[in-house]
């Protein structure tokens, strides 16, 4: 028999193909990736109506400063670019709420006609404290403007009752994510820095930070990040997008994140670095930054195959 005849395959036989295992698991929408990671997620908006420009803004502030200051509160309302702050001598002492402008206000004041919030977060670092002298408690929660608006007298111990996430202060970074409320899909006028500023919609949702019993005059650095959608003012040389956007149910999208990743997905006060990776591997992502990177690379991310623990801050 010839060599050619020996190597000939049987007629009609199809070579067996090697099976390839493909990762399976839930997918992440672009907006979900942004809510989980406002600092680097894809710039998208879930809202309907007039489509504006979407921009990411940041600002750094220092709290717990001043002689005898050990406690306080910080409310941030991205939908109107406003912060409400108190500096208290103790958790039981009252102090007046001070109103100031938040991230993006300096740019948008003379540029935009109206604004609405898409995503936001707090990053808190006890930069002024050492490992040996840091004491106290920190808490995160949600609020609206009616909770304690500008000029109100606020007691931190009372505001702590609104904090669903609490922890002792330590030399590490604490993080919390904002999620939109029922009225945040509406455009608003931004805060102009006036102490008497009151938004047209008092039901706008804010992100709340409380701290108490920290060493006196030991600064806590807070980085505030906001992703805002805004409509340009006339005379800015920016065209107005006349095509209306098709809305998605943004609250349902956020609910899906909570359902898949656990009820504490929006903060890191009750999760260590290792447990966070395991939590997100079962749902949205094991790493907030990875979710944003996957979305940018195209398509919906399948994250179930990436379950190795990482040192995370989320």
C-alpha atoms as a PDB file:
ATOM      1  CA  UNK A   1       0.000   0.000   0.000  1.00  0.00           C
ATOM      2  CA  UNK A   2       1.290   3.404  -0.908  1.00  0.00           C
ATOM      3  CA  UNK A   3       2.136   6.031   1.691  1.00  0.00           C
ATOM      4  CA  UNK A   4      -0.610   8.232   0.294  1.00  0.00           C
ATOM      5  CA  UNK A   5      -3.192   5.523   0.844  1.00  0.00           C
ATOM      6  CA  UNK A   6      -2.075   5.016   4.452  1.00  0.00           C
ATOM      7  CA  UNK A   7      -2.595   8.672   5.377  1.00  0.00           C
ATOM      8  CA  UNK A   8      -5.920   9.131   3.614  1.00  0.00           C
ATOM      9  CA  UNK A   9      -8.894   9.745   5.946  1.00  0.00           C
ATOM     10  CA  UNK A  10     -12.166   7.908   5.609  1.00  0.00           C
ATOM     11  CA  UNK A  11     -14.508   9.625   3.167  1.00  0.00           C
ATOM     12  CA  UNK A  12     -17.130  11.796   4.793  1.00  0.00           C
ATOM     13  CA  UNK A  13     -15.477  11.804   8.199  1.00  0.00           C
ATOM     14  CA  UNK A  14     -15.495  15.220   9.943  1.00  0.00           C
ATOM     15  CA  UNK A  15     -12.482  15.969  12.180  1.00  0.00           C
ATOM     16  CA  UNK A  16     -13.382  16.325  15.828  1.00  0.00           C
ATOM     17  CA  UNK A  17     -13.174  19.899  17.029  1.00  0.00           C
ATOM     18  CA  UNK A  18     -11.755  20.777  20.399  1.00  0.00           C
ATOM     19  CA  UNK A  19     -14.346  22.135  22.799  1.00  0.00           C
ATOM     20  CA  UNK A  20     -13.687  25.676  24.053  1.00  0.00           C
ATOM     21  CA  UNK A  21     -15.045  26.719  27.440  1.00  0.00           C
ATOM     22  CA  UNK A  22     -16.550  30.193  27.305  1.00  0.00           C
ATOM     23  CA  UNK A  23     -17.071  32.276  30.424  1.00  0.00           C
ATOM     24  CA  UNK A  24     -20.669  32.495  31.539  1.00  0.00           C
ATOM     25  CA  UNK A  25     -22.321  34.888  33.948  1.00  0.00           C
ATOM     26  CA  UNK A  26     -24.364  38.078  34.261  1.00  0.00           C
ATOM     27  CA  UNK A  27     -23.487  41.069  32.167  1.00  0.00           C
ATOM     28  CA  UNK A  28     -22.960  44.682  33.123  1.00  0.00           C
ATOM     29  CA  UNK A  29     -24.528  47.589  31.282  1.00  0.00           C
ATOM     30  CA  UNK A  30     -22.542  50.745  30.637  1.00  0.00           C
ATOM     31  CA  UNK A  31     -24.581  52.682  33.199  1.00  0.00           C
ATOM     32  CA  UNK A  32     -24.173  49.982  35.848  1.00  0.00           C
ATOM     33  CA  UNK A  33     -20.415  50.119  35.319  1.00  0.00           C
ATOM     34  CA  UNK A  34     -20.506  53.899  35.796  1.00  0.00           C
ATOM     35  CA  UNK A  35     -22.577  53.745  38.994  1.00  0.00           C
ATOM     36  CA  UNK A  36     -20.185  51.175  40.466  1.00  0.00           C
ATOM     37  CA  UNK A  37     -17.127  53.179  39.368  1.00  0.00           C
ATOM     38  CA  UNK A  38     -17.902  56.909  38.929  1.00  0.00           C
ATOM     39  CA  UNK A  39     -14.171  57.713  38.889  1.00  0.00           C
ATOM     40  CA  UNK A  40     -13.362  55.875  35.638  1.00  0.00           C
ATOM     41  CA  UNK A  41     -16.556  54.257  34.321  1.00  0.00           C
ATOM     42  CA  UNK A  42     -17.951  54.981  30.837  1.00  0.00           C
ATOM     43  CA  UNK A  43     -19.633  58.373  30.442  1.00  0.00           C
ATOM     44  CA  UNK A  44     -23.250  57.495  29.669  1.00  0.00           C
ATOM     45  CA  UNK A  45     -26.656  58.699  30.866  1.00  0.00           C
ATOM     46  CA  UNK A  46     -29.745  56.562  31.530  1.00  0.00           C
ATOM     47  CA  UNK A  47     -32.178  59.467  31.442  1.00  0.00           C
ATOM     48  CA  UNK A  48     -34.690  60.443  28.792  1.00  0.00           C
ATOM     49  CA  UNK A  49     -35.586  63.866  27.459  1.00  0.00           C
ATOM     50  CA  UNK A  50     -33.110  66.444  26.136  1.00  0.00           C
ATOM     51  CA  UNK A  51     -29.629  64.984  25.836  1.00  0.00           C
ATOM     52  CA  UNK A  52     -26.870  67.125  27.338  1.00  0.00           C
ATOM     53  CA  UNK A  53     -23.098  66.980  27.510  1.00  0.00           C
ATOM     54  CA  UNK A  54     -21.756  64.426  30.006  1.00  0.00           C
ATOM     55  CA  UNK A  55     -18.661  65.438  31.986  1.00  0.00           C
ATOM     56  CA  UNK A  56     -16.754  64.047  34.973  1.00  0.00           C
ATOM     57  CA  UNK A  57     -15.749  66.561  37.678  1.00  0.00           C
ATOM     58  CA  UNK A  58     -13.732  66.171  40.885  1.00  0.00           C
ATOM     59  CA  UNK A  59     -12.855  68.323  43.884  1.00  0.00           C
ATOM     60  CA  UNK A  60     -10.934  67.772  47.128  1.00  0.00           C
ATOM     61  CA  UNK A  61     -12.007  69.259  50.439  1.00  0.00           C
ATOM     62  CA  UNK A  62     -10.708  68.852  53.994  1.00  0.00           C
ATOM     63  CA  UNK A  63     -13.132  68.364  56.866  1.00  0.00           C
ATOM     64  CA  UNK A  64     -12.732  68.210  60.662  1.00  0.00           C
ATOM     65  CA  UNK A  65     -10.605  71.354  60.648  1.00  0.00           C
ATOM     66  CA  UNK A  66     -10.685  74.130  63.212  1.00  0.00           C
ATOM     67  CA  UNK A  67      -9.912  74.421  66.909  1.00  0.00           C
ATOM     68  CA  UNK A  68     -11.870  71.913  68.964  1.00  0.00           C
ATOM     69  CA  UNK A  69     -13.639  70.328  65.952  1.00  0.00           C
ATOM     70  CA  UNK A  70     -14.030  66.555  66.362  1.00  0.00           C
ATOM     71  CA  UNK A  71     -17.289  65.722  64.568  1.00  0.00           C
ATOM     72  CA  UNK A  72     -19.453  66.840  61.674  1.00  0.00           C
ATOM     73  CA  UNK A  73     -21.540  66.050  58.629  1.00  0.00           C
ATOM     74  CA  UNK A  74     -21.178  66.428  54.866  1.00  0.00           C
ATOM     75  CA  UNK A  75     -24.134  66.233  52.509  1.00  0.00           C
ATOM     76  CA  UNK A  76     -23.530  66.286  48.770  1.00  0.00           C
ATOM     77  CA  UNK A  77     -26.264  66.895  46.191  1.00  0.00           C
ATOM     78  CA  UNK A  78     -24.762  66.321  42.729  1.00  0.00           C
ATOM     79  CA  UNK A  79     -28.040  67.261  41.029  1.00  0.00           C
ATOM     80  CA  UNK A  80     -27.474  70.927  41.994  1.00  0.00           C
ATOM     81  CA  UNK A  81     -23.671  70.938  42.552  1.00  0.00           C
ATOM     82  CA  UNK A  82     -24.086  71.720  46.264  1.00  0.00           C
ATOM     83  CA  UNK A  83     -22.427  70.617  49.504  1.00  0.00           C
ATOM     84  CA  UNK A  84     -23.853  71.118  52.988  1.00  0.00           C
ATOM     85  CA  UNK A  85     -21.295  70.891  55.815  1.00  0.00           C
ATOM     86  CA  UNK A  86     -21.223  71.183  59.599  1.00  0.00           C
ATOM     87  CA  UNK A  87     -18.174  71.264  61.883  1.00  0.00           C
ATOM     88  CA  UNK A  88     -19.097  70.253  65.419  1.00  0.00           C
ATOM     89  CA  UNK A  89     -17.147  70.146  68.677  1.00  0.00           C
ATOM     90  CA  UNK A  90     -18.709  66.779  69.560  1.00  0.00           C
ATOM     91  CA  UNK A  91     -21.235  64.291  68.285  1.00  0.00           C
ATOM     92  CA  UNK A  92     -23.847  65.740  70.627  1.00  0.00           C
ATOM     93  CA  UNK A  93     -23.189  69.432  69.859  1.00  0.00           C
ATOM     94  CA  UNK A  94     -25.165  71.308  67.228  1.00  0.00           C
ATOM     95  CA  UNK A  95     -23.736  73.463  64.425  1.00  0.00           C
ATOM     96  CA  UNK A  96     -25.172  75.452  61.533  1.00  0.00           C
ATOM     97  CA  UNK A  97     -25.106  73.940  58.046  1.00  0.00           C
ATOM     98  CA  UNK A  98     -22.788  75.796  55.657  1.00  0.00           C
ATOM     99  CA  UNK A  99     -23.686  75.743  51.951  1.00  0.00           C
ATOM    100  CA  UNK A 100     -20.978  75.656  49.270  1.00  0.00           C
ATOM    101  CA  UNK A 101     -20.523  74.704  45.646  1.00  0.00           C
ATOM    102  CA  UNK A 102     -19.554  71.168  44.665  1.00  0.00           C
ATOM    103  CA  UNK A 103     -17.488  69.692  41.815  1.00  0.00           C
ATOM    104  CA  UNK A 104     -18.088  71.314  38.447  1.00  0.00           C
ATOM    105  CA  UNK A 105     -19.874  74.403  39.777  1.00  0.00           C
ATOM    106  CA  UNK A 106     -17.002  76.767  38.947  1.00  0.00           C
ATOM    107  CA  UNK A 107     -17.038  75.635  35.313  1.00  0.00           C
ATOM    108  CA  UNK A 108     -20.785  75.227  34.854  1.00  0.00           C
ATOM    109  CA  UNK A 109     -21.900  78.485  36.506  1.00  0.00           C
ATOM    110  CA  UNK A 110     -21.235  80.512  33.353  1.00  0.00           C
ATOM    111  CA  UNK A 111     -21.475  77.645  30.871  1.00  0.00           C
ATOM    112  CA  UNK A 112     -24.629  75.625  31.427  1.00  0.00           C
ATOM    113  CA  UNK A 113     -28.326  76.376  31.476  1.00  0.00           C
ATOM    114  CA  UNK A 114     -29.314  73.349  33.568  1.00  0.00           C
ATOM    115  CA  UNK A 115     -27.732  70.210  35.012  1.00  0.00           C
ATOM    116  CA  UNK A 116     -28.652  66.781  36.332  1.00  0.00           C
ATOM    117  CA  UNK A 117     -26.566  64.142  38.127  1.00  0.00           C
ATOM    118  CA  UNK A 118     -25.705  60.761  36.612  1.00  0.00           C
ATOM    119  CA  UNK A 119     -23.256  59.256  39.136  1.00  0.00           C
ATOM    120  CA  UNK A 120     -21.135  60.376  42.104  1.00  0.00           C
ATOM    121  CA  UNK A 121     -19.019  59.102  44.977  1.00  0.00           C
ATOM    122  CA  UNK A 122     -17.076  59.995  48.136  1.00  0.00           C
ATOM    123  CA  UNK A 123     -13.509  58.916  48.835  1.00  0.00           C
ATOM    124  CA  UNK A 124     -12.460  59.703  52.414  1.00  0.00           C
ATOM    125  CA  UNK A 125      -8.812  59.496  53.546  1.00  0.00           C
ATOM    126  CA  UNK A 126      -7.701  60.375  57.112  1.00  0.00           C
ATOM    127  CA  UNK A 127      -4.639  62.178  55.725  1.00  0.00           C
ATOM    128  CA  UNK A 128      -3.955  64.277  58.812  1.00  0.00           C
ATOM    129  CA  UNK A 129      -3.927  61.408  61.296  1.00  0.00           C
ATOM    130  CA  UNK A 130      -1.291  58.877  62.286  1.00  0.00           C
ATOM    131  CA  UNK A 131      -1.861  55.200  62.987  1.00  0.00           C
ATOM    132  CA  UNK A 132      -1.522  55.851  66.719  1.00  0.00           C
ATOM    133  CA  UNK A 133      -3.819  58.829  67.253  1.00  0.00           C
ATOM    134  CA  UNK A 134      -6.760  58.044  64.963  1.00  0.00           C
ATOM    135  CA  UNK A 135     -10.017  57.365  66.797  1.00  0.00           C
ATOM    136  CA  UNK A 136     -13.672  57.930  66.069  1.00  0.00           C
ATOM    137  CA  UNK A 137     -16.491  56.678  63.888  1.00  0.00           C
ATOM    138  CA  UNK A 138     -17.551  57.219  60.276  1.00  0.00           C
ATOM    139  CA  UNK A 139     -20.906  56.631  58.599  1.00  0.00           C
ATOM    140  CA  UNK A 140     -22.444  56.783  55.098  1.00  0.00           C
ATOM    141  CA  UNK A 141     -26.074  57.124  54.084  1.00  0.00           C
ATOM    142  CA  UNK A 142     -28.547  58.880  51.802  1.00  0.00           C
ATOM    143  CA  UNK A 143     -30.634  61.982  52.444  1.00  0.00           C
ATOM    144  CA  UNK A 144     -32.636  64.675  50.689  1.00  0.00           C
ATOM    145  CA  UNK A 145     -32.491  68.458  50.982  1.00  0.00           C
ATOM    146  CA  UNK A 146     -35.371  68.518  53.437  1.00  0.00           C
ATOM    147  CA  UNK A 147     -33.290  66.477  55.897  1.00  0.00           C
ATOM    148  CA  UNK A 148     -31.074  69.410  56.896  1.00  0.00           C
ATOM    149  CA  UNK A 149     -30.821  72.263  54.393  1.00  0.00           C
ATOM    150  CA  UNK A 150     -28.685  75.373  54.478  1.00  0.00           C
ATOM    151  CA  UNK A 151     -28.790  77.244  57.791  1.00  0.00           C
ATOM    152  CA  UNK A 152     -30.261  74.355  59.776  1.00  0.00           C
ATOM    153  CA  UNK A 153     -28.832  73.421  63.170  1.00  0.00           C
ATOM    154  CA  UNK A 154     -27.505  69.856  62.902  1.00  0.00           C
ATOM    155  CA  UNK A 155     -26.355  67.382  65.563  1.00  0.00           C
ATOM    156  CA  UNK A 156     -24.070  64.628  64.175  1.00  0.00           C
ATOM    157  CA  UNK A 157     -25.492  61.993  66.531  1.00  0.00           C
ATOM    158  CA  UNK A 158     -28.921  62.585  64.996  1.00  0.00           C
ATOM    159  CA  UNK A 159     -27.588  62.385  61.441  1.00  0.00           C
ATOM    160  CA  UNK A 160     -25.837  59.116  62.265  1.00  0.00           C
ATOM    161  CA  UNK A 161     -29.297  57.582  62.560  1.00  0.00           C
ATOM    162  CA  UNK A 162     -29.588  57.983  58.777  1.00  0.00           C
ATOM    163  CA  UNK A 163     -26.305  56.159  58.139  1.00  0.00           C
ATOM    164  CA  UNK A 164     -26.980  52.567  57.128  1.00  0.00           C
ATOM    165  CA  UNK A 165     -23.210  51.943  56.860  1.00  0.00           C
ATOM    166  CA  UNK A 166     -20.938  52.664  59.845  1.00  0.00           C
ATOM    167  CA  UNK A 167     -17.401  51.788  60.872  1.00  0.00           C
ATOM    168  CA  UNK A 168     -14.555  52.881  63.145  1.00  0.00           C
ATOM    169  CA  UNK A 169     -12.095  55.332  61.624  1.00  0.00           C
ATOM    170  CA  UNK A 170      -8.831  53.760  60.515  1.00  0.00           C
ATOM    171  CA  UNK A 171      -5.848  54.673  58.376  1.00  0.00           C
ATOM    172  CA  UNK A 172      -7.416  53.587  55.108  1.00  0.00           C
ATOM    173  CA  UNK A 173      -9.666  54.899  52.344  1.00  0.00           C
ATOM    174  CA  UNK A 174     -13.437  54.827  52.806  1.00  0.00           C
ATOM    175  CA  UNK A 175     -15.684  54.995  49.764  1.00  0.00           C
ATOM    176  CA  UNK A 176     -19.413  55.401  49.092  1.00  0.00           C
ATOM    177  CA  UNK A 177     -21.431  55.627  45.858  1.00  0.00           C
ATOM    178  CA  UNK A 178     -24.406  57.883  45.155  1.00  0.00           C
ATOM    179  CA  UNK A 179     -27.441  56.517  43.336  1.00  0.00           C
ATOM    180  CA  UNK A 180     -30.200  58.612  41.712  1.00  0.00           C
ATOM    181  CA  UNK A 181     -33.526  59.282  43.397  1.00  0.00           C
ATOM    182  CA  UNK A 182     -36.976  59.660  41.901  1.00  0.00           C
ATOM    183  CA  UNK A 183     -36.404  63.324  40.901  1.00  0.00           C
ATOM    184  CA  UNK A 184     -32.790  63.238  39.738  1.00  0.00           C
ATOM    185  CA  UNK A 185     -33.721  62.664  36.094  1.00  0.00           C
ATOM    186  CA  UNK A 186     -34.963  66.275  35.974  1.00  0.00           C
ATOM    187  CA  UNK A 187     -32.691  69.190  35.042  1.00  0.00           C
ATOM    188  CA  UNK A 188     -31.993  71.802  37.718  1.00  0.00           C
ATOM    189  CA  UNK A 189     -30.273  75.125  38.264  1.00  0.00           C
ATOM    190  CA  UNK A 190     -26.878  74.722  39.934  1.00  0.00           C
ATOM    191  CA  UNK A 191     -25.868  76.119  43.306  1.00  0.00           C
ATOM    192  CA  UNK A 192     -24.212  79.532  42.954  1.00  0.00           C
ATOM    193  CA  UNK A 193     -22.489  79.269  46.339  1.00  0.00           C
ATOM    194  CA  UNK A 194     -25.033  81.376  48.205  1.00  0.00           C
ATOM    195  CA  UNK A 195     -25.726  80.349  51.788  1.00  0.00           C
ATOM    196  CA  UNK A 196     -29.445  80.808  51.163  1.00  0.00           C
ATOM    197  CA  UNK A 197     -29.547  78.559  48.092  1.00  0.00           C
ATOM    198  CA  UNK A 198     -32.567  76.244  47.970  1.00  0.00           C
ATOM    199  CA  UNK A 199     -33.140  73.893  45.002  1.00  0.00           C
ATOM    200  CA  UNK A 200     -36.443  73.903  43.189  1.00  0.00           C
ATOM    201  CA  UNK A 201     -36.800  70.189  43.969  1.00  0.00           C
ATOM    202  CA  UNK A 202     -36.269  69.408  47.650  1.00  0.00           C
ATOM    203  CA  UNK A 203     -36.628  65.693  46.886  1.00  0.00           C
ATOM    204  CA  UNK A 204     -33.267  65.486  45.131  1.00  0.00           C
ATOM    205  CA  UNK A 205     -31.132  62.717  46.585  1.00  0.00           C
ATOM    206  CA  UNK A 206     -27.918  63.438  48.438  1.00  0.00           C
ATOM    207  CA  UNK A 207     -24.997  61.356  49.664  1.00  0.00           C
ATOM    208  CA  UNK A 208     -24.351  61.689  53.401  1.00  0.00           C
ATOM    209  CA  UNK A 209     -21.079  61.423  55.334  1.00  0.00           C
ATOM    210  CA  UNK A 210     -20.972  61.658  59.150  1.00  0.00           C
ATOM    211  CA  UNK A 211     -18.020  61.467  61.513  1.00  0.00           C
ATOM    212  CA  UNK A 212     -17.649  61.881  65.282  1.00  0.00           C
ATOM    213  CA  UNK A 213     -15.087  61.673  68.075  1.00  0.00           C
ATOM    214  CA  UNK A 214     -12.150  62.163  65.746  1.00  0.00           C
ATOM    215  CA  UNK A 215      -9.015  63.784  67.232  1.00  0.00           C
ATOM    216  CA  UNK A 216      -9.494  67.566  67.293  1.00  0.00           C
ATOM    217  CA  UNK A 217      -8.326  69.442  64.211  1.00  0.00           C
ATOM    218  CA  UNK A 218      -7.091  66.279  62.464  1.00  0.00           C
ATOM    219  CA  UNK A 219      -8.020  66.704  58.818  1.00  0.00           C
ATOM    220  CA  UNK A 220     -10.012  64.154  56.819  1.00  0.00           C
ATOM    221  CA  UNK A 221      -9.539  64.577  53.063  1.00  0.00           C
ATOM    222  CA  UNK A 222     -12.650  63.966  50.968  1.00  0.00           C
ATOM    223  CA  UNK A 223     -12.473  63.606  47.199  1.00  0.00           C
ATOM    224  CA  UNK A 224     -15.874  64.152  45.605  1.00  0.00           C
ATOM    225  CA  UNK A 225     -16.383  62.833  42.078  1.00  0.00           C
ATOM    226  CA  UNK A 226     -19.465  63.621  40.014  1.00  0.00           C
ATOM    227  CA  UNK A 227     -20.602  62.698  36.518  1.00  0.00           C
ATOM    228  CA  UNK A 228     -23.018  65.410  35.389  1.00  0.00           C
ATOM    229  CA  UNK A 229     -25.176  65.881  32.320  1.00  0.00           C
ATOM    230  CA  UNK A 230     -25.658  69.525  31.405  1.00  0.00           C
ATOM    231  CA  UNK A 231     -27.278  71.683  28.738  1.00  0.00           C
ATOM    232  CA  UNK A 232     -25.104  74.562  27.446  1.00  0.00           C
ATOM    233  CA  UNK A 233     -26.113  78.143  27.943  1.00  0.00           C
ATOM    234  CA  UNK A 234     -26.664  80.419  24.983  1.00  0.00           C
ATOM    235  CA  UNK A 235     -23.565  82.162  23.629  1.00  0.00           C
ATOM    236  CA  UNK A 236     -21.101  79.423  24.594  1.00  0.00           C
ATOM    237  CA  UNK A 237     -20.577  78.164  21.056  1.00  0.00           C
ATOM    238  CA  UNK A 238     -21.942  74.735  21.957  1.00  0.00           C
ATOM    239  CA  UNK A 239     -24.757  73.267  19.913  1.00  0.00           C
ATOM    240  CA  UNK A 240     -27.917  72.069  21.621  1.00  0.00           C
ATOM    241  CA  UNK A 241     -28.809  68.456  20.899  1.00  0.00           C
ATOM    242  CA  UNK A 242     -32.419  68.542  19.716  1.00  0.00           C
ATOM    243  CA  UNK A 243     -32.790  64.748  19.521  1.00  0.00           C
ATOM    244  CA  UNK A 244     -34.486  63.436  22.689  1.00  0.00           C
ATOM    245  CA  UNK A 245     -32.944  60.444  24.417  1.00  0.00           C
ATOM    246  CA  UNK A 246     -34.770  57.198  25.101  1.00  0.00           C
ATOM    247  CA  UNK A 247     -34.803  56.593  28.866  1.00  0.00           C
ATOM    248  CA  UNK A 248     -33.994  53.360  30.645  1.00  0.00           C
ATOM    249  CA  UNK A 249     -35.224  52.459  34.092  1.00  0.00           C
ATOM    250  CA  UNK A 250     -32.160  53.695  35.978  1.00  0.00           C
ATOM    251  CA  UNK A 251     -33.541  52.733  39.377  1.00  0.00           C
ATOM    252  CA  UNK A 252     -34.151  49.186  38.141  1.00  0.00           C
ATOM    253  CA  UNK A 253     -30.574  49.076  36.853  1.00  0.00           C
ATOM    254  CA  UNK A 254     -29.252  50.109  40.249  1.00  0.00           C
ATOM    255  CA  UNK A 255     -31.544  47.548  41.913  1.00  0.00           C
ATOM    256  CA  UNK A 256     -30.011  44.853  39.733  1.00  0.00           C
ATOM    257  CA  UNK A 257     -26.569  45.838  40.974  1.00  0.00           C
ATOM    258  CA  UNK A 258     -27.735  45.584  44.579  1.00  0.00           C
ATOM    259  CA  UNK A 259     -29.425  42.241  43.960  1.00  0.00           C
ATOM    260  CA  UNK A 260     -26.418  40.654  42.278  1.00  0.00           C
ATOM    261  CA  UNK A 261     -23.618  42.115  44.358  1.00  0.00           C
ATOM    262  CA  UNK A 262     -25.273  42.320  47.772  1.00  0.00           C
ATOM    263  CA  UNK A 263     -26.924  45.131  49.689  1.00  0.00           C
ATOM    264  CA  UNK A 264     -23.593  46.711  50.657  1.00  0.00           C
ATOM    265  CA  UNK A 265     -22.228  47.115  47.128  1.00  0.00           C
ATOM    266  CA  UNK A 266     -22.322  50.940  47.366  1.00  0.00           C
ATOM    267  CA  UNK A 267     -19.758  51.298  50.205  1.00  0.00           C
ATOM    268  CA  UNK A 268     -16.698  49.560  51.650  1.00  0.00           C
ATOM    269  CA  UNK A 269     -17.270  50.052  55.378  1.00  0.00           C
ATOM    270  CA  UNK A 270     -18.312  46.453  56.080  1.00  0.00           C
ATOM    271  CA  UNK A 271     -16.133  44.565  53.603  1.00  0.00           C
ATOM    272  CA  UNK A 272     -12.437  43.817  53.523  1.00  0.00           C
ATOM    273  CA  UNK A 273     -10.353  43.698  50.383  1.00  0.00           C
ATOM    274  CA  UNK A 274     -10.702  39.933  49.930  1.00  0.00           C
ATOM    275  CA  UNK A 275     -14.448  39.667  50.565  1.00  0.00           C
ATOM    276  CA  UNK A 276     -15.274  42.452  48.127  1.00  0.00           C
ATOM    277  CA  UNK A 277     -13.712  40.517  45.265  1.00  0.00           C
ATOM    278  CA  UNK A 278     -15.777  37.445  46.085  1.00  0.00           C
ATOM    279  CA  UNK A 279     -18.958  39.511  46.417  1.00  0.00           C
ATOM    280  CA  UNK A 280     -18.663  41.160  43.014  1.00  0.00           C
ATOM    281  CA  UNK A 281     -17.539  37.980  41.263  1.00  0.00           C
ATOM    282  CA  UNK A 282     -21.056  36.613  41.823  1.00  0.00           C
ATOM    283  CA  UNK A 283     -22.789  39.618  40.296  1.00  0.00           C
ATOM    284  CA  UNK A 284     -21.664  42.824  38.726  1.00  0.00           C
ATOM    285  CA  UNK A 285     -17.878  42.663  38.874  1.00  0.00           C
ATOM    286  CA  UNK A 286     -15.062  41.657  41.159  1.00  0.00           C
ATOM    287  CA  UNK A 287     -13.483  45.023  40.558  1.00  0.00           C
ATOM    288  CA  UNK A 288     -15.206  48.332  39.825  1.00  0.00           C
ATOM    289  CA  UNK A 289     -12.377  49.530  37.630  1.00  0.00           C
ATOM    290  CA  UNK A 290     -12.458  46.272  35.685  1.00  0.00           C
ATOM    291  CA  UNK A 291     -16.124  46.855  34.916  1.00  0.00           C
ATOM    292  CA  UNK A 292     -15.321  50.219  33.360  1.00  0.00           C
ATOM    293  CA  UNK A 293     -12.400  48.811  31.381  1.00  0.00           C
ATOM    294  CA  UNK A 294     -14.498  45.950  30.035  1.00  0.00           C
ATOM    295  CA  UNK A 295     -17.202  48.356  28.883  1.00  0.00           C
ATOM    296  CA  UNK A 296     -14.697  50.614  27.160  1.00  0.00           C
ATOM    297  CA  UNK A 297     -13.179  47.678  25.284  1.00  0.00           C
ATOM    298  CA  UNK A 298     -16.605  47.037  23.788  1.00  0.00           C
ATOM    299  CA  UNK A 299     -19.716  44.993  24.449  1.00  0.00           C
ATOM    300  CA  UNK A 300     -21.093  43.824  27.757  1.00  0.00           C
ATOM    301  CA  UNK A 301     -18.588  42.371  30.199  1.00  0.00           C
ATOM    302  CA  UNK A 302     -18.736  38.780  31.346  1.00  0.00           C
ATOM    303  CA  UNK A 303     -17.020  38.828  34.677  1.00  0.00           C
ATOM    304  CA  UNK A 304     -17.644  35.423  36.188  1.00  0.00           C
ATOM    305  CA  UNK A 305     -14.306  34.057  34.965  1.00  0.00           C
ATOM    306  CA  UNK A 306     -12.350  36.778  36.763  1.00  0.00           C
ATOM    307  CA  UNK A 307     -12.868  35.744  40.364  1.00  0.00           C
ATOM    308  CA  UNK A 308      -9.327  36.006  41.743  1.00  0.00           C
ATOM    309  CA  UNK A 309      -9.194  38.226  44.874  1.00  0.00           C
ATOM    310  CA  UNK A 310      -7.608  41.636  44.421  1.00  0.00           C
ATOM    311  CA  UNK A 311      -6.616  44.390  46.806  1.00  0.00           C
ATOM    312  CA  UNK A 312      -9.613  46.639  46.277  1.00  0.00           C
ATOM    313  CA  UNK A 313     -10.791  49.839  47.838  1.00  0.00           C
ATOM    314  CA  UNK A 314     -14.429  49.405  46.774  1.00  0.00           C
END
